[in-house]
Amino acid sequence: MTIFDERRAELEKFEFMMGVERGRLAVALDLLTDSLILTGQHGVYCVSNRNPSQPRLDLQAVLAGINGAKELIQSVMASLEAARNKPAAASSAAAEK
């Protein structure tokens, strides 16, 4: 079973609301957030021997990677939003002249 099958309802909902690209990015962002939460919960029980207030180094690397992926997806979504709003702003400015 693929992610498209597992998350069909979510994908359809977000693709309808935001368009195909932004909808899929939104679902990917939700998946990363869920993974981040689960990894963070695991980090509570799997603490570093050197610093008990921090998760183990491998979990820190996974958390950093997930956070980085989320930032990249958020930047793409912001770029798509800016590109979508740019023609609308240009056409409204032209209409005012």
C-alpha atoms as a PDB file:
ATOM      1  CA  MET A   1       0.000   0.000   0.000  1.00  0.00           C
ATOM      2  CA  THR A   2       1.415   3.395  -0.990  1.00  0.00           C
ATOM      3  CA  ILE A   3       1.150   6.694   0.826  1.00  0.00           C
ATOM      4  CA  PHE A   4      -1.405   7.745  -1.789  1.00  0.00           C
ATOM      5  CA  ASP A   5      -3.623   4.857  -0.689  1.00  0.00           C
ATOM      6  CA  GLU A   6      -3.014   5.281   3.040  1.00  0.00           C
ATOM      7  CA  ARG A   7      -3.699   9.023   3.064  1.00  0.00           C
ATOM      8  CA  ARG A   8      -6.230   9.211   0.216  1.00  0.00           C
ATOM      9  CA  ALA A   9      -8.886  11.171   2.152  1.00  0.00           C
ATOM     10  CA  GLU A  10      -6.354  13.643   3.526  1.00  0.00           C
ATOM     11  CA  LEU A  11      -4.759  14.122   0.117  1.00  0.00           C
ATOM     12  CA  GLU A  12      -8.108  14.687  -1.578  1.00  0.00           C
ATOM     13  CA  LYS A  13      -9.129  17.228   1.053  1.00  0.00           C
ATOM     14  CA  PHE A  14      -5.908  19.255   0.924  1.00  0.00           C
ATOM     15  CA  GLU A  15      -5.528  18.988  -2.861  1.00  0.00           C
ATOM     16  CA  PHE A  16      -9.061  20.339  -3.257  1.00  0.00           C
ATOM     17  CA  MET A  17      -8.427  23.217  -0.837  1.00  0.00           C
ATOM     18  CA  MET A  18      -4.910  24.171  -1.936  1.00  0.00           C
ATOM     19  CA  GLY A  19      -4.242  22.610  -5.321  1.00  0.00           C
ATOM     20  CA  VAL A  20      -2.333  19.427  -6.050  1.00  0.00           C
ATOM     21  CA  GLU A  21       1.205  20.610  -5.278  1.00  0.00           C
ATOM     22  CA  ARG A  22       0.446  22.590  -2.136  1.00  0.00           C
ATOM     23  CA  GLY A  23      -1.994  19.929  -0.917  1.00  0.00           C
ATOM     24  CA  ARG A  24       0.605  17.196  -1.204  1.00  0.00           C
ATOM     25  CA  LEU A  25       3.182  19.382   0.525  1.00  0.00           C
ATOM     26  CA  ALA A  26       0.703  20.012   3.336  1.00  0.00           C
ATOM     27  CA  VAL A  27       0.147  16.272   3.818  1.00  0.00           C
ATOM     28  CA  ALA A  28       3.923  15.697   3.732  1.00  0.00           C
ATOM     29  CA  LEU A  29       4.309  18.380   6.388  1.00  0.00           C
ATOM     30  CA  ASP A  30       1.697  16.638   8.538  1.00  0.00           C
ATOM     31  CA  LEU A  31       3.529  13.321   8.146  1.00  0.00           C
ATOM     32  CA  LEU A  32       6.811  14.925   9.173  1.00  0.00           C
ATOM     33  CA  THR A  33       5.143  16.550  12.163  1.00  0.00           C
ATOM     34  CA  ASP A  34       3.710  13.192  13.256  1.00  0.00           C
ATOM     35  CA  SER A  35       7.155  11.612  12.876  1.00  0.00           C
ATOM     36  CA  LEU A  36       8.717  14.443  14.846  1.00  0.00           C
ATOM     37  CA  ILE A  37       6.255  13.907  17.689  1.00  0.00           C
ATOM     38  CA  LEU A  38       6.848  10.157  17.797  1.00  0.00           C
ATOM     39  CA  THR A  39      10.618  10.590  17.696  1.00  0.00           C
ATOM     40  CA  GLY A  40      10.432  13.222  20.426  1.00  0.00           C
ATOM     41  CA  GLN A  41       8.414  10.875  22.624  1.00  0.00           C
ATOM     42  CA  HIS A  42      10.980   8.155  22.042  1.00  0.00           C
ATOM     43  CA  GLY A  43      13.704  10.631  23.001  1.00  0.00           C
ATOM     44  CA  VAL A  44      12.189  10.940  26.466  1.00  0.00           C
ATOM     45  CA  TYR A  45      13.000   7.306  27.157  1.00  0.00           C
ATOM     46  CA  CYS A  46      16.222   7.107  25.174  1.00  0.00           C
ATOM     47  CA  VAL A  47      18.402   9.768  26.794  1.00  0.00           C
ATOM     48  CA  SER A  48      22.074  10.458  26.269  1.00  0.00           C
ATOM     49  CA  ASN A  49      24.534   8.942  28.730  1.00  0.00           C
ATOM     50  CA  ARG A  50      26.642  12.101  28.627  1.00  0.00           C
ATOM     51  CA  ASN A  51      23.780  14.565  29.057  1.00  0.00           C
ATOM     52  CA  PRO A  52      20.590  13.044  30.502  1.00  0.00           C
ATOM     53  CA  SER A  53      18.576  16.159  29.616  1.00  0.00           C
ATOM     54  CA  GLN A  54      19.140  15.509  25.871  1.00  0.00           C
ATOM     55  CA  PRO A  55      18.058  12.604  23.640  1.00  0.00           C
ATOM     56  CA  ARG A  56      20.722  10.281  22.242  1.00  0.00           C
ATOM     57  CA  LEU A  57      22.868  11.607  19.417  1.00  0.00           C
ATOM     58  CA  ASP A  58      21.189   9.438  16.780  1.00  0.00           C
ATOM     59  CA  LEU A  59      17.777  10.769  17.807  1.00  0.00           C
ATOM     60  CA  GLN A  60      19.123  14.316  17.764  1.00  0.00           C
ATOM     61  CA  ALA A  61      20.257  13.753  14.165  1.00  0.00           C
ATOM     62  CA  VAL A  62      16.844  12.355  13.172  1.00  0.00           C
ATOM     63  CA  LEU A  63      15.045  15.263  14.843  1.00  0.00           C
ATOM     64  CA  ALA A  64      17.332  17.769  13.101  1.00  0.00           C
ATOM     65  CA  GLY A  65      16.700  16.096   9.740  1.00  0.00           C
ATOM     66  CA  ILE A  66      12.940  16.123  10.190  1.00  0.00           C
ATOM     67  CA  ASN A  67      12.985  19.766  11.274  1.00  0.00           C
ATOM     68  CA  GLY A  68      15.132  20.627   8.253  1.00  0.00           C
ATOM     69  CA  ALA A  69      12.732  18.845   5.907  1.00  0.00           C
ATOM     70  CA  LYS A  70       9.816  20.716   7.452  1.00  0.00           C
ATOM     71  CA  GLU A  71      11.584  24.050   6.922  1.00  0.00           C
ATOM     72  CA  LEU A  72      12.236  23.196   3.268  1.00  0.00           C
ATOM     73  CA  ILE A  73       8.608  22.232   2.681  1.00  0.00           C
ATOM     74  CA  GLN A  74       7.400  25.390   4.415  1.00  0.00           C
ATOM     75  CA  SER A  75       9.681  27.516   2.215  1.00  0.00           C
ATOM     76  CA  VAL A  76       8.351  25.835  -0.946  1.00  0.00           C
ATOM     77  CA  MET A  77       4.772  26.395   0.212  1.00  0.00           C
ATOM     78  CA  ALA A  78       5.546  30.070   0.888  1.00  0.00           C
ATOM     79  CA  SER A  79       7.119  30.428  -2.583  1.00  0.00           C
ATOM     80  CA  LEU A  80       4.095  28.822  -4.230  1.00  0.00           C
ATOM     81  CA  GLU A  81       1.798  31.132  -2.275  1.00  0.00           C
ATOM     82  CA  ALA A  82       3.824  34.200  -3.306  1.00  0.00           C
ATOM     83  CA  ALA A  83       3.802  33.102  -6.949  1.00  0.00           C
ATOM     84  CA  ARG A  84       0.059  32.537  -6.814  1.00  0.00           C
ATOM     85  CA  ASN A  85      -0.601  35.959  -5.278  1.00  0.00           C
ATOM     86  CA  LYS A  86       1.833  37.841  -7.527  1.00  0.00           C
ATOM     87  CA  PRO A  87      -0.307  37.688 -10.729  1.00  0.00           C
ATOM     88  CA  ALA A  88      -3.378  38.718  -8.732  1.00  0.00           C
ATOM     89  CA  ALA A  89      -1.549  41.723  -7.293  1.00  0.00           C
ATOM     90  CA  ALA A  90      -0.215  42.691 -10.726  1.00  0.00           C
ATOM     91  CA  SER A  91      -3.651  42.482 -12.349  1.00  0.00           C
ATOM     92  CA  SER A  92      -5.283  44.548  -9.588  1.00  0.00           C
ATOM     93  CA  ALA A  93      -2.530  47.180  -9.895  1.00  0.00           C
ATOM     94  CA  ALA A  94      -3.057  47.325 -13.677  1.00  0.00           C
ATOM     95  CA  ALA A  95      -6.811  47.679 -13.208  1.00  0.00           C
ATOM     96  CA  GLU A  96      -6.292  50.676 -10.910  1.00  0.00           C
ATOM     97  CA  LYS A  97      -4.306  52.558 -13.589  1.00  0.00           C
END
